[in-house]
Amino acid sequence: MKLISRVIAILLFLVFFGFALKNTQEVTIDFFLNYQIRGPLVLILLGFFASGAILGVLAMAPAVFRYRRNAAKAQKMLTSIHREQEAQRVTSAEAPQPDSIRNI
């Protein structure tokens, strides 16, 4: 399985490397207020891809932190339940005292 994933990774790298070699012409990207970016097509595509990936991770971060916080709360609650069950098990394991004996 590891070999198959490496072969696929090498093939993808070769395809993308060939794409980069074939698309070296300079392009101009026009933004608002007459702002322009000029550069090779492959670098501009790479830049926009990277910025999209970063924005995607940042958009996902609040949900990840919320899930982590909820998991930590659930783990603490589970630990306290286990402690209570262990305490009940210890108290129920003691021998019952006869009615005539009083603890003074």
PDB file of N, CA and C in Angstrom:
ATOM      1  N   MET A   1       0.826  -1.191   0.000  1.00  0.00           N
ATOM      2  CA  MET A   1       0.000   0.000   0.000  1.00  0.00           C
ATOM      3  C   MET A   1       0.868   1.252   0.000  1.00  0.00           C
ATOM      4  N   LYS A   2       1.943   1.202   0.789  1.00  0.00           N
ATOM      5  CA  LYS A   2       2.835   2.342   0.856  1.00  0.00           C
ATOM      6  C   LYS A   2       3.506   2.580  -0.495  1.00  0.00           C
ATOM      7  N   LEU A   3       3.839   1.491  -1.181  1.00  0.00           N
ATOM      8  CA  LEU A   3       4.473   1.588  -2.490  1.00  0.00           C
ATOM      9  C   LEU A   3       3.517   2.212  -3.506  1.00  0.00           C
ATOM     10  N   ILE A   4       2.257   1.808  -3.457  1.00  0.00           N
ATOM     11  CA  ILE A   4       1.263   2.349  -4.392  1.00  0.00           C
ATOM     12  C   ILE A   4       1.079   3.845  -4.177  1.00  0.00           C
ATOM     13  N   SER A   5       0.998   4.272  -2.925  1.00  0.00           N
ATOM     14  CA  SER A   5       0.818   5.703  -2.651  1.00  0.00           C
ATOM     15  C   SER A   5       2.042   6.507  -3.089  1.00  0.00           C
ATOM     16  N   ARG A   6       3.231   5.941  -2.956  1.00  0.00           N
ATOM     17  CA  ARG A   6       4.433   6.648  -3.420  1.00  0.00           C
ATOM     18  C   ARG A   6       4.472   6.747  -4.939  1.00  0.00           C
ATOM     19  N   VAL A   7       4.071   5.685  -5.614  1.00  0.00           N
ATOM     20  CA  VAL A   7       4.040   5.717  -7.079  1.00  0.00           C
ATOM     21  C   VAL A   7       3.043   6.764  -7.554  1.00  0.00           C
ATOM     22  N   ILE A   8       1.869   6.816  -6.928  1.00  0.00           N
ATOM     23  CA  ILE A   8       0.865   7.821  -7.289  1.00  0.00           C
ATOM     24  C   ILE A   8       1.392   9.225  -7.011  1.00  0.00           C
ATOM     25  N   ALA A   9       2.079   9.414  -5.892  1.00  0.00           N
ATOM     26  CA  ALA A   9       2.640  10.727  -5.570  1.00  0.00           C
ATOM     27  C   ALA A   9       3.691  11.142  -6.598  1.00  0.00           C
ATOM     28  N   ILE A  10       4.530  10.213  -7.022  1.00  0.00           N
ATOM     29  CA  ILE A  10       5.554  10.530  -8.025  1.00  0.00           C
ATOM     30  C   ILE A  10       4.894  10.881  -9.358  1.00  0.00           C
ATOM     31  N   LEU A  11       3.860  10.140  -9.742  1.00  0.00           N
ATOM     32  CA  LEU A  11       3.162  10.441 -10.994  1.00  0.00           C
ATOM     33  C   LEU A  11       2.498  11.815 -10.951  1.00  0.00           C
ATOM     34  N   LEU A  12       1.859  12.136  -9.837  1.00  0.00           N
ATOM     35  CA  LEU A  12       1.247  13.461  -9.696  1.00  0.00           C
ATOM     36  C   LEU A  12       2.296  14.556  -9.743  1.00  0.00           C
ATOM     37  N   PHE A  13       3.428  14.331  -9.092  1.00  0.00           N
ATOM     38  CA  PHE A  13       4.495  15.323  -9.132  1.00  0.00           C
ATOM     39  C   PHE A  13       4.973  15.540 -10.562  1.00  0.00           C
ATOM     40  N   LEU A  14       5.139  14.466 -11.325  1.00  0.00           N
ATOM     41  CA  LEU A  14       5.601  14.607 -12.707  1.00  0.00           C
ATOM     42  C   LEU A  14       4.580  15.339 -13.571  1.00  0.00           C
ATOM     43  N   VAL A  15       3.293  15.061 -13.354  1.00  0.00           N
ATOM     44  CA  VAL A  15       2.252  15.760 -14.108  1.00  0.00           C
ATOM     45  C   VAL A  15       2.268  17.249 -13.781  1.00  0.00           C
ATOM     46  N   PHE A  16       2.320  17.588 -12.510  1.00  0.00           N
ATOM     47  CA  PHE A  16       2.324  19.001 -12.128  1.00  0.00           C
ATOM     48  C   PHE A  16       3.625  19.698 -12.530  1.00  0.00           C
ATOM     49  N   PHE A  17       4.732  18.994 -12.502  1.00  0.00           N
ATOM     50  CA  PHE A  17       6.000  19.568 -12.930  1.00  0.00           C
ATOM     51  C   PHE A  17       5.961  19.849 -14.431  1.00  0.00           C
ATOM     52  N   GLY A  18       5.405  18.922 -15.200  1.00  0.00           N
ATOM     53  CA  GLY A  18       5.235  19.157 -16.636  1.00  0.00           C
ATOM     54  C   GLY A  18       4.309  20.325 -16.907  1.00  0.00           C
ATOM     55  N   PHE A  19       3.244  20.448 -16.124  1.00  0.00           N
ATOM     56  CA  PHE A  19       2.335  21.582 -16.244  1.00  0.00           C
ATOM     57  C   PHE A  19       3.078  22.887 -15.987  1.00  0.00           C
ATOM     58  N   ALA A  20       3.925  22.895 -14.975  1.00  0.00           N
ATOM     59  CA  ALA A  20       4.684  24.105 -14.645  1.00  0.00           C
ATOM     60  C   ALA A  20       5.659  24.461 -15.756  1.00  0.00           C
ATOM     61  N   LEU A  21       6.288  23.465 -16.366  1.00  0.00           N
ATOM     62  CA  LEU A  21       7.238  23.742 -17.441  1.00  0.00           C
ATOM     63  C   LEU A  21       6.550  24.256 -18.703  1.00  0.00           C
ATOM     64  N   LYS A  22       5.334  23.802 -18.956  1.00  0.00           N
ATOM     65  CA  LYS A  22       4.622  24.222 -20.164  1.00  0.00           C
ATOM     66  C   LYS A  22       3.931  25.576 -20.018  1.00  0.00           C
ATOM     67  N   ASN A  23       3.734  26.076 -18.796  1.00  0.00           N
ATOM     68  CA  ASN A  23       2.988  27.315 -18.571  1.00  0.00           C
ATOM     69  C   ASN A  23       3.865  28.377 -17.917  1.00  0.00           C
ATOM     70  N   THR A  24       4.916  28.752 -18.609  1.00  0.00           N
ATOM     71  CA  THR A  24       5.832  29.752 -18.058  1.00  0.00           C
ATOM     72  C   THR A  24       5.584  31.142 -18.623  1.00  0.00           C
ATOM     73  N   GLN A  25       4.598  31.296 -19.514  1.00  0.00           N
ATOM     74  CA  GLN A  25       4.353  32.617 -20.095  1.00  0.00           C
ATOM     75  C   GLN A  25       3.873  33.584 -19.022  1.00  0.00           C
ATOM     76  N   GLU A  26       4.167  34.856 -19.250  1.00  0.00           N
ATOM     77  CA  GLU A  26       3.799  35.885 -18.277  1.00  0.00           C
ATOM     78  C   GLU A  26       2.347  36.290 -18.480  1.00  0.00           C
ATOM     79  N   VAL A  27       1.630  36.416 -17.378  1.00  0.00           N
ATOM     80  CA  VAL A  27       0.228  36.838 -17.414  1.00  0.00           C
ATOM     81  C   VAL A  27       0.059  38.041 -16.502  1.00  0.00           C
ATOM     82  N   THR A  28      -1.015  38.767 -16.734  1.00  0.00           N
ATOM     83  CA  THR A  28      -1.346  39.931 -15.918  1.00  0.00           C
ATOM     84  C   THR A  28      -2.707  39.701 -15.289  1.00  0.00           C
ATOM     85  N   ILE A  29      -2.779  39.862 -13.982  1.00  0.00           N
ATOM     86  CA  ILE A  29      -4.036  39.759 -13.248  1.00  0.00           C
ATOM     87  C   ILE A  29      -4.430  41.174 -12.852  1.00  0.00           C
ATOM     88  N   ASP A  30      -5.634  41.610 -13.267  1.00  0.00           N
ATOM     89  CA  ASP A  30      -6.122  42.951 -12.956  1.00  0.00           C
ATOM     90  C   ASP A  30      -7.068  42.888 -11.771  1.00  0.00           C
ATOM     91  N   PHE A  31      -6.810  43.747 -10.780  1.00  0.00           N
ATOM     92  CA  PHE A  31      -7.659  43.872  -9.599  1.00  0.00           C
ATOM     93  C   PHE A  31      -8.353  45.220  -9.617  1.00  0.00           C
ATOM     94  N   PHE A  32      -9.102  45.502  -8.582  1.00  0.00           N
ATOM     95  CA  PHE A  32      -9.765  46.795  -8.467  1.00  0.00           C
ATOM     96  C   PHE A  32      -8.746  47.914  -8.284  1.00  0.00           C
ATOM     97  N   LEU A  33      -9.150  49.132  -8.584  1.00  0.00           N
ATOM     98  CA  LEU A  33      -8.327  50.337  -8.441  1.00  0.00           C
ATOM     99  C   LEU A  33      -7.054  50.264  -9.277  1.00  0.00           C
ATOM    100  N   ASN A  34      -7.144  49.648 -10.445  1.00  0.00           N
ATOM    101  CA  ASN A  34      -6.039  49.536 -11.399  1.00  0.00           C
ATOM    102  C   ASN A  34      -4.804  48.875 -10.814  1.00  0.00           C
ATOM    103  N   TYR A  35      -4.987  47.961  -9.887  1.00  0.00           N
ATOM    104  CA  TYR A  35      -3.867  47.210  -9.328  1.00  0.00           C
ATOM    105  C   TYR A  35      -3.660  45.973 -10.178  1.00  0.00           C
ATOM    106  N   GLN A  36      -2.407  45.716 -10.546  1.00  0.00           N
ATOM    107  CA  GLN A  36      -2.095  44.589 -11.412  1.00  0.00           C
ATOM    108  C   GLN A  36      -0.979  43.742 -10.812  1.00  0.00           C
ATOM    109  N   ILE A  37      -1.051  42.452 -11.107  1.00  0.00           N
ATOM    110  CA  ILE A  37       0.035  41.534 -10.751  1.00  0.00           C
ATOM    111  C   ILE A  37       0.510  40.901 -12.052  1.00  0.00           C
ATOM    112  N   ARG A  38       1.808  40.921 -12.276  1.00  0.00           N
ATOM    113  CA  ARG A  38       2.396  40.288 -13.459  1.00  0.00           C
ATOM    114  C   ARG A  38       3.373  39.222 -13.000  1.00  0.00           C
ATOM    115  N   GLY A  39       3.317  38.085 -13.671  1.00  0.00           N
ATOM    116  CA  GLY A  39       4.235  37.010 -13.341  1.00  0.00           C
ATOM    117  C   GLY A  39       3.936  35.773 -14.144  1.00  0.00           C
ATOM    118  N   PRO A  40       4.772  34.747 -13.986  1.00  0.00           N
ATOM    119  CA  PRO A  40       4.511  33.495 -14.699  1.00  0.00           C
ATOM    120  C   PRO A  40       3.196  32.864 -14.243  1.00  0.00           C
ATOM    121  N   LEU A  41       2.492  32.278 -15.184  1.00  0.00           N
ATOM    122  CA  LEU A  41       1.176  31.700 -14.908  1.00  0.00           C
ATOM    123  C   LEU A  41       1.231  30.667 -13.794  1.00  0.00           C
ATOM    124  N   VAL A  42       2.232  29.822 -13.814  1.00  0.00           N
ATOM    125  CA  VAL A  42       2.298  28.746 -12.832  1.00  0.00           C
ATOM    126  C   VAL A  42       2.509  29.309 -11.418  1.00  0.00           C
ATOM    127  N   LEU A  43       3.296  30.377 -11.284  1.00  0.00           N
ATOM    128  CA  LEU A  43       3.500  30.962  -9.951  1.00  0.00           C
ATOM    129  C   LEU A  43       2.248  31.666  -9.446  1.00  0.00           C
ATOM    130  N   ILE A  44       1.530  32.300 -10.334  1.00  0.00           N
ATOM    131  CA  ILE A  44       0.288  32.961  -9.917  1.00  0.00           C
ATOM    132  C   ILE A  44      -0.741  31.905  -9.508  1.00  0.00           C
ATOM    133  N   LEU A  45      -0.842  30.817 -10.260  1.00  0.00           N
ATOM    134  CA  LEU A  45      -1.755  29.737  -9.873  1.00  0.00           C
ATOM    135  C   LEU A  45      -1.358  29.127  -8.539  1.00  0.00           C
ATOM    136  N   LEU A  46      -0.068  28.921  -8.345  1.00  0.00           N
ATOM    137  CA  LEU A  46       0.411  28.373  -7.078  1.00  0.00           C
ATOM    138  C   LEU A  46       0.095  29.319  -5.922  1.00  0.00           C
ATOM    139  N   GLY A  47       0.284  30.615  -6.134  1.00  0.00           N
ATOM    140  CA  GLY A  47      -0.022  31.592  -5.090  1.00  0.00           C
ATOM    141  C   GLY A  47      -1.494  31.603  -4.714  1.00  0.00           C
ATOM    142  N   PHE A  48      -2.369  31.575  -5.721  1.00  0.00           N
ATOM    143  CA  PHE A  48      -3.800  31.557  -5.425  1.00  0.00           C
ATOM    144  C   PHE A  48      -4.232  30.245  -4.784  1.00  0.00           C
ATOM    145  N   PHE A  49      -3.633  29.143  -5.200  1.00  0.00           N
ATOM    146  CA  PHE A  49      -3.937  27.862  -4.568  1.00  0.00           C
ATOM    147  C   PHE A  49      -3.521  27.868  -3.101  1.00  0.00           C
ATOM    148  N   ALA A  50      -2.308  28.366  -2.822  1.00  0.00           N
ATOM    149  CA  ALA A  50      -1.821  28.409  -1.440  1.00  0.00           C
ATOM    150  C   ALA A  50      -2.682  29.330  -0.578  1.00  0.00           C
ATOM    151  N   SER A  51      -3.057  30.488  -1.120  1.00  0.00           N
ATOM    152  CA  SER A  51      -3.895  31.397  -0.328  1.00  0.00           C
ATOM    153  C   SER A  51      -5.274  30.800  -0.082  1.00  0.00           C
ATOM    154  N   GLY A  52      -5.816  30.070  -1.044  1.00  0.00           N
ATOM    155  CA  GLY A  52      -7.096  29.392  -0.834  1.00  0.00           C
ATOM    156  C   GLY A  52      -7.003  28.305   0.220  1.00  0.00           C
ATOM    157  N   ALA A  53      -5.892  27.565   0.211  1.00  0.00           N
ATOM    158  CA  ALA A  53      -5.708  26.520   1.223  1.00  0.00           C
ATOM    159  C   ALA A  53      -5.582  27.141   2.615  1.00  0.00           C
ATOM    160  N   ILE A  54      -4.856  28.237   2.726  1.00  0.00           N
ATOM    161  CA  ILE A  54      -4.696  28.914   4.018  1.00  0.00           C
ATOM    162  C   ILE A  54      -6.036  29.448   4.505  1.00  0.00           C
ATOM    163  N   LEU A  55      -6.805  30.066   3.613  1.00  0.00           N
ATOM    164  CA  LEU A  55      -8.124  30.566   4.012  1.00  0.00           C
ATOM    165  C   LEU A  55      -9.054  29.425   4.424  1.00  0.00           C
ATOM    166  N   GLY A  56      -8.957  28.286   3.757  1.00  0.00           N
ATOM    167  CA  GLY A  56      -9.764  27.130   4.136  1.00  0.00           C
ATOM    168  C   GLY A  56      -9.420  26.619   5.524  1.00  0.00           C
ATOM    169  N   VAL A  57      -8.138  26.566   5.838  1.00  0.00           N
ATOM    170  CA  VAL A  57      -7.705  26.121   7.169  1.00  0.00           C
ATOM    171  C   VAL A  57      -8.163  27.113   8.225  1.00  0.00           C
ATOM    172  N   LEU A  58      -8.034  28.400   7.940  1.00  0.00           N
ATOM    173  CA  LEU A  58      -8.478  29.416   8.908  1.00  0.00           C
ATOM    174  C   LEU A  58      -9.991  29.369   9.112  1.00  0.00           C
ATOM    175  N   ALA A  59     -10.747  29.079   8.073  1.00  0.00           N
ATOM    176  CA  ALA A  59     -12.198  28.981   8.213  1.00  0.00           C
ATOM    177  C   ALA A  59     -12.597  27.752   9.026  1.00  0.00           C
ATOM    178  N   MET A  60     -11.784  26.712   8.986  1.00  0.00           N
ATOM    179  CA  MET A  60     -12.082  25.480   9.693  1.00  0.00           C
ATOM    180  C   MET A  60     -11.614  25.519  11.154  1.00  0.00           C
ATOM    181  N   ALA A  61     -10.707  26.424  11.497  1.00  0.00           N
ATOM    182  CA  ALA A  61     -10.099  26.457  12.827  1.00  0.00           C
ATOM    183  C   ALA A  61     -11.112  26.606  13.973  1.00  0.00           C
ATOM    184  N   PRO A  62     -12.104  27.503  13.902  1.00  0.00           N
ATOM    185  CA  PRO A  62     -13.040  27.603  15.030  1.00  0.00           C
ATOM    186  C   PRO A  62     -13.771  26.293  15.331  1.00  0.00           C
ATOM    187  N   ALA A  63     -14.164  25.581  14.302  1.00  0.00           N
ATOM    188  CA  ALA A  63     -14.856  24.308  14.535  1.00  0.00           C
ATOM    189  C   ALA A  63     -13.923  23.292  15.183  1.00  0.00           C
ATOM    190  N   VAL A  64     -12.677  23.265  14.761  1.00  0.00           N
ATOM    191  CA  VAL A  64     -11.714  22.327  15.339  1.00  0.00           C
ATOM    192  C   VAL A  64     -11.504  22.634  16.813  1.00  0.00           C
ATOM    193  N   PHE A  65     -11.341  23.913  17.150  1.00  0.00           N
ATOM    194  CA  PHE A  65     -11.149  24.284  18.550  1.00  0.00           C
ATOM    195  C   PHE A  65     -12.384  23.966  19.389  1.00  0.00           C
ATOM    196  N   ARG A  66     -13.572  24.167  18.813  1.00  0.00           N
ATOM    197  CA  ARG A  66     -14.809  23.847  19.537  1.00  0.00           C
ATOM    198  C   ARG A  66     -14.894  22.345  19.800  1.00  0.00           C
ATOM    199  N   TYR A  67     -14.566  21.525  18.811  1.00  0.00           N
ATOM    200  CA  TYR A  67     -14.594  20.074  19.000  1.00  0.00           C
ATOM    201  C   TYR A  67     -13.562  19.624  20.029  1.00  0.00           C
ATOM    202  N   ARG A  68     -12.402  20.233  20.009  1.00  0.00           N
ATOM    203  CA  ARG A  68     -11.376  19.885  21.006  1.00  0.00           C
ATOM    204  C   ARG A  68     -11.841  20.240  22.415  1.00  0.00           C
ATOM    205  N   ARG A  69     -12.454  21.413  22.565  1.00  0.00           N
ATOM    206  CA  ARG A  69     -12.938  21.833  23.882  1.00  0.00           C
ATOM    207  C   ARG A  69     -14.030  20.877  24.368  1.00  0.00           C
ATOM    208  N   ASN A  70     -14.958  20.509  23.487  1.00  0.00           N
ATOM    209  CA  ASN A  70     -16.017  19.577  23.876  1.00  0.00           C
ATOM    210  C   ASN A  70     -15.450  18.202  24.214  1.00  0.00           C
ATOM    211  N   ALA A  71     -14.435  17.769  23.480  1.00  0.00           N
ATOM    212  CA  ALA A  71     -13.810  16.474  23.775  1.00  0.00           C
ATOM    213  C   ALA A  71     -13.114  16.506  25.129  1.00  0.00           C
ATOM    214  N   ALA A  72     -12.466  17.628  25.462  1.00  0.00           N
ATOM    215  CA  ALA A  72     -11.806  17.744  26.766  1.00  0.00           C
ATOM    216  C   ALA A  72     -12.837  17.713  27.897  1.00  0.00           C
ATOM    217  N   LYS A  73     -13.966  18.400  27.706  1.00  0.00           N
ATOM    218  CA  LYS A  73     -15.030  18.370  28.718  1.00  0.00           C
ATOM    219  C   LYS A  73     -15.570  16.960  28.900  1.00  0.00           C
ATOM    220  N   ALA A  74     -15.792  16.271  27.797  1.00  0.00           N
ATOM    221  CA  ALA A  74     -16.311  14.904  27.873  1.00  0.00           C
ATOM    222  C   ALA A  74     -15.303  13.984  28.549  1.00  0.00           C
ATOM    223  N   GLN A  75     -14.030  14.177  28.290  1.00  0.00           N
ATOM    224  CA  GLN A  75     -12.997  13.345  28.930  1.00  0.00           C
ATOM    225  C   GLN A  75     -12.969  13.590  30.438  1.00  0.00           C
ATOM    226  N   LYS A  76     -13.091  14.850  30.866  1.00  0.00           N
ATOM    227  CA  LYS A  76     -13.125  15.154  32.300  1.00  0.00           C
ATOM    228  C   LYS A  76     -14.352  14.530  32.956  1.00  0.00           C
ATOM    229  N   MET A  77     -15.502  14.596  32.276  1.00  0.00           N
ATOM    230  CA  MET A  77     -16.719  14.025  32.827  1.00  0.00           C
ATOM    231  C   MET A  77     -16.591  12.508  32.930  1.00  0.00           C
ATOM    232  N   LEU A  78     -16.013  11.892  31.930  1.00  0.00           N
ATOM    233  CA  LEU A  78     -15.816  10.446  31.947  1.00  0.00           C
ATOM    234  C   LEU A  78     -14.874  10.032  33.073  1.00  0.00           C
ATOM    235  N   THR A  79     -13.832  10.806  33.292  1.00  0.00           N
ATOM    236  CA  THR A  79     -12.896  10.524  34.386  1.00  0.00           C
ATOM    237  C   THR A  79     -13.592  10.619  35.733  1.00  0.00           C
ATOM    238  N   SER A  80     -14.424  11.652  35.921  1.00  0.00           N
ATOM    239  CA  SER A  80     -15.124  11.797  37.200  1.00  0.00           C
ATOM    240  C   SER A  80     -16.131  10.659  37.405  1.00  0.00           C
ATOM    241  N   ILE A  81     -16.795  10.210  36.356  1.00  0.00           N
ATOM    242  CA  ILE A  81     -17.734   9.088  36.468  1.00  0.00           C
ATOM    243  C   ILE A  81     -16.993   7.817  36.852  1.00  0.00           C
ATOM    244  N   HIS A  82     -15.821   7.592  36.246  1.00  0.00           N
ATOM    245  CA  HIS A  82     -15.026   6.412  36.599  1.00  0.00           C
ATOM    246  C   HIS A  82     -14.585   6.469  38.064  1.00  0.00           C
ATOM    247  N   ARG A  83     -14.212   7.647  38.533  1.00  0.00           N
ATOM    248  CA  ARG A  83     -13.814   7.791  39.945  1.00  0.00           C
ATOM    249  C   ARG A  83     -14.986   7.477  40.869  1.00  0.00           C
ATOM    250  N   GLU A  84     -16.168   7.994  40.536  1.00  0.00           N
ATOM    251  CA  GLU A  84     -17.348   7.729  41.358  1.00  0.00           C
ATOM    252  C   GLU A  84     -17.681   6.239  41.379  1.00  0.00           C
ATOM    253  N   GLN A  85     -17.598   5.586  40.221  1.00  0.00           N
ATOM    254  CA  GLN A  85     -17.872   4.156  40.166  1.00  0.00           C
ATOM    255  C   GLN A  85     -16.854   3.365  40.980  1.00  0.00           C
ATOM    256  N   GLU A  86     -15.603   3.780  40.934  1.00  0.00           N
ATOM    257  CA  GLU A  86     -14.567   3.097  41.715  1.00  0.00           C
ATOM    258  C   GLU A  86     -14.808   3.289  43.210  1.00  0.00           C
ATOM    259  N   ALA A  87     -15.222   4.495  43.601  1.00  0.00           N
ATOM    260  CA  ALA A  87     -15.522   4.746  45.007  1.00  0.00           C
ATOM    261  C   ALA A  87     -16.716   3.908  45.468  1.00  0.00           C
ATOM    262  N   GLN A  88     -17.734   3.780  44.638  1.00  0.00           N
ATOM    263  CA  GLN A  88     -18.891   2.956  44.989  1.00  0.00           C
ATOM    264  C   GLN A  88     -18.495   1.486  45.079  1.00  0.00           C
ATOM    265  N   ARG A  89     -17.622   1.060  44.200  1.00  0.00           N
ATOM    266  CA  ARG A  89     -17.179  -0.336  44.221  1.00  0.00           C
ATOM    267  C   ARG A  89     -16.402  -0.629  45.500  1.00  0.00           C
ATOM    268  N   VAL A  90     -15.574   0.323  45.940  1.00  0.00           N
ATOM    269  CA  VAL A  90     -14.791   0.130  47.162  1.00  0.00           C
ATOM    270  C   VAL A  90     -15.708   0.093  48.378  1.00  0.00           C
ATOM    271  N   THR A  91     -16.688   1.002  48.434  1.00  0.00           N
ATOM    272  CA  THR A  91     -17.585   1.018  49.593  1.00  0.00           C
ATOM    273  C   THR A  91     -18.487  -0.206  49.616  1.00  0.00           C
ATOM    274  N   SER A  92     -18.886  -0.704  48.456  1.00  0.00           N
ATOM    275  CA  SER A  92     -19.748  -1.886  48.455  1.00  0.00           C
ATOM    276  C   SER A  92     -18.942  -3.157  48.731  1.00  0.00           C
ATOM    277  N   ALA A  93     -17.640  -3.112  48.594  1.00  0.00           N
ATOM    278  CA  ALA A  93     -16.810  -4.290  48.845  1.00  0.00           C
ATOM    279  C   ALA A  93     -16.553  -4.503  50.335  1.00  0.00           C
ATOM    280  N   GLU A  94     -16.807  -3.493  51.177  1.00  0.00           N
ATOM    281  CA  GLU A  94     -16.606  -3.651  52.611  1.00  0.00           C
ATOM    282  C   GLU A  94     -17.674  -4.599  53.164  1.00  0.00           C
ATOM    283  N   ALA A  95     -17.285  -5.346  54.155  1.00  0.00           N
ATOM    284  CA  ALA A  95     -18.221  -6.284  54.772  1.00  0.00           C
ATOM    285  C   ALA A  95     -19.289  -5.505  55.535  1.00  0.00           C
ATOM    286  N   PRO A  96     -20.530  -5.938  55.495  1.00  0.00           N
ATOM    287  CA  PRO A  96     -21.586  -5.228  56.222  1.00  0.00           C
ATOM    288  C   PRO A  96     -21.425  -5.430  57.732  1.00  0.00           C
ATOM    289  N   GLN A  97     -21.729  -4.392  58.488  1.00  0.00           N
ATOM    290  CA  GLN A  97     -21.615  -4.437  59.939  1.00  0.00           C
ATOM    291  C   GLN A  97     -22.937  -4.948  60.532  1.00  0.00           C
ATOM    292  N   PRO A  98     -22.838  -5.779  61.552  1.00  0.00           N
ATOM    293  CA  PRO A  98     -24.069  -6.217  62.228  1.00  0.00           C
ATOM    294  C   PRO A  98     -24.740  -5.024  62.912  1.00  0.00           C
ATOM    295  N   ASP A  99     -26.028  -5.142  63.166  1.00  0.00           N
ATOM    296  CA  ASP A  99     -26.781  -4.034  63.782  1.00  0.00           C
ATOM    297  C   ASP A  99     -26.345  -3.770  65.208  1.00  0.00           C
ATOM    298  N   SER A 100     -25.861  -4.758  65.905  1.00  0.00           N
ATOM    299  CA  SER A 100     -25.532  -4.574  67.309  1.00  0.00           C
ATOM    300  C   SER A 100     -24.208  -3.843  67.489  1.00  0.00           C
ATOM    301  N   ILE A 101     -23.403  -3.715  66.472  1.00  0.00           N
ATOM    302  CA  ILE A 101     -22.111  -3.025  66.600  1.00  0.00           C
ATOM    303  C   ILE A 101     -22.281  -1.602  66.093  1.00  0.00           C
ATOM    304  N   ARG A 102     -21.823  -0.681  66.916  1.00  0.00           N
ATOM    305  CA  ARG A 102     -21.898   0.717  66.531  1.00  0.00           C
ATOM    306  C   ARG A 102     -20.484   1.264  66.415  1.00  0.00           C
ATOM    307  N   ASN A 103     -20.304   2.103  65.419  1.00  0.00           N
ATOM    308  CA  ASN A 103     -19.005   2.787  65.279  1.00  0.00           C
ATOM    309  C   ASN A 103     -19.005   4.015  66.160  1.00  0.00           C
ATOM    310  N   ILE A 104     -18.103   4.041  67.113  1.00  0.00           N
ATOM    311  CA  ILE A 104     -18.033   5.163  68.052  1.00  0.00           C
ATOM    312  C   ILE A 104     -16.848   6.034  67.707  1.00  0.00           C
TER     313      ILE A 104
END
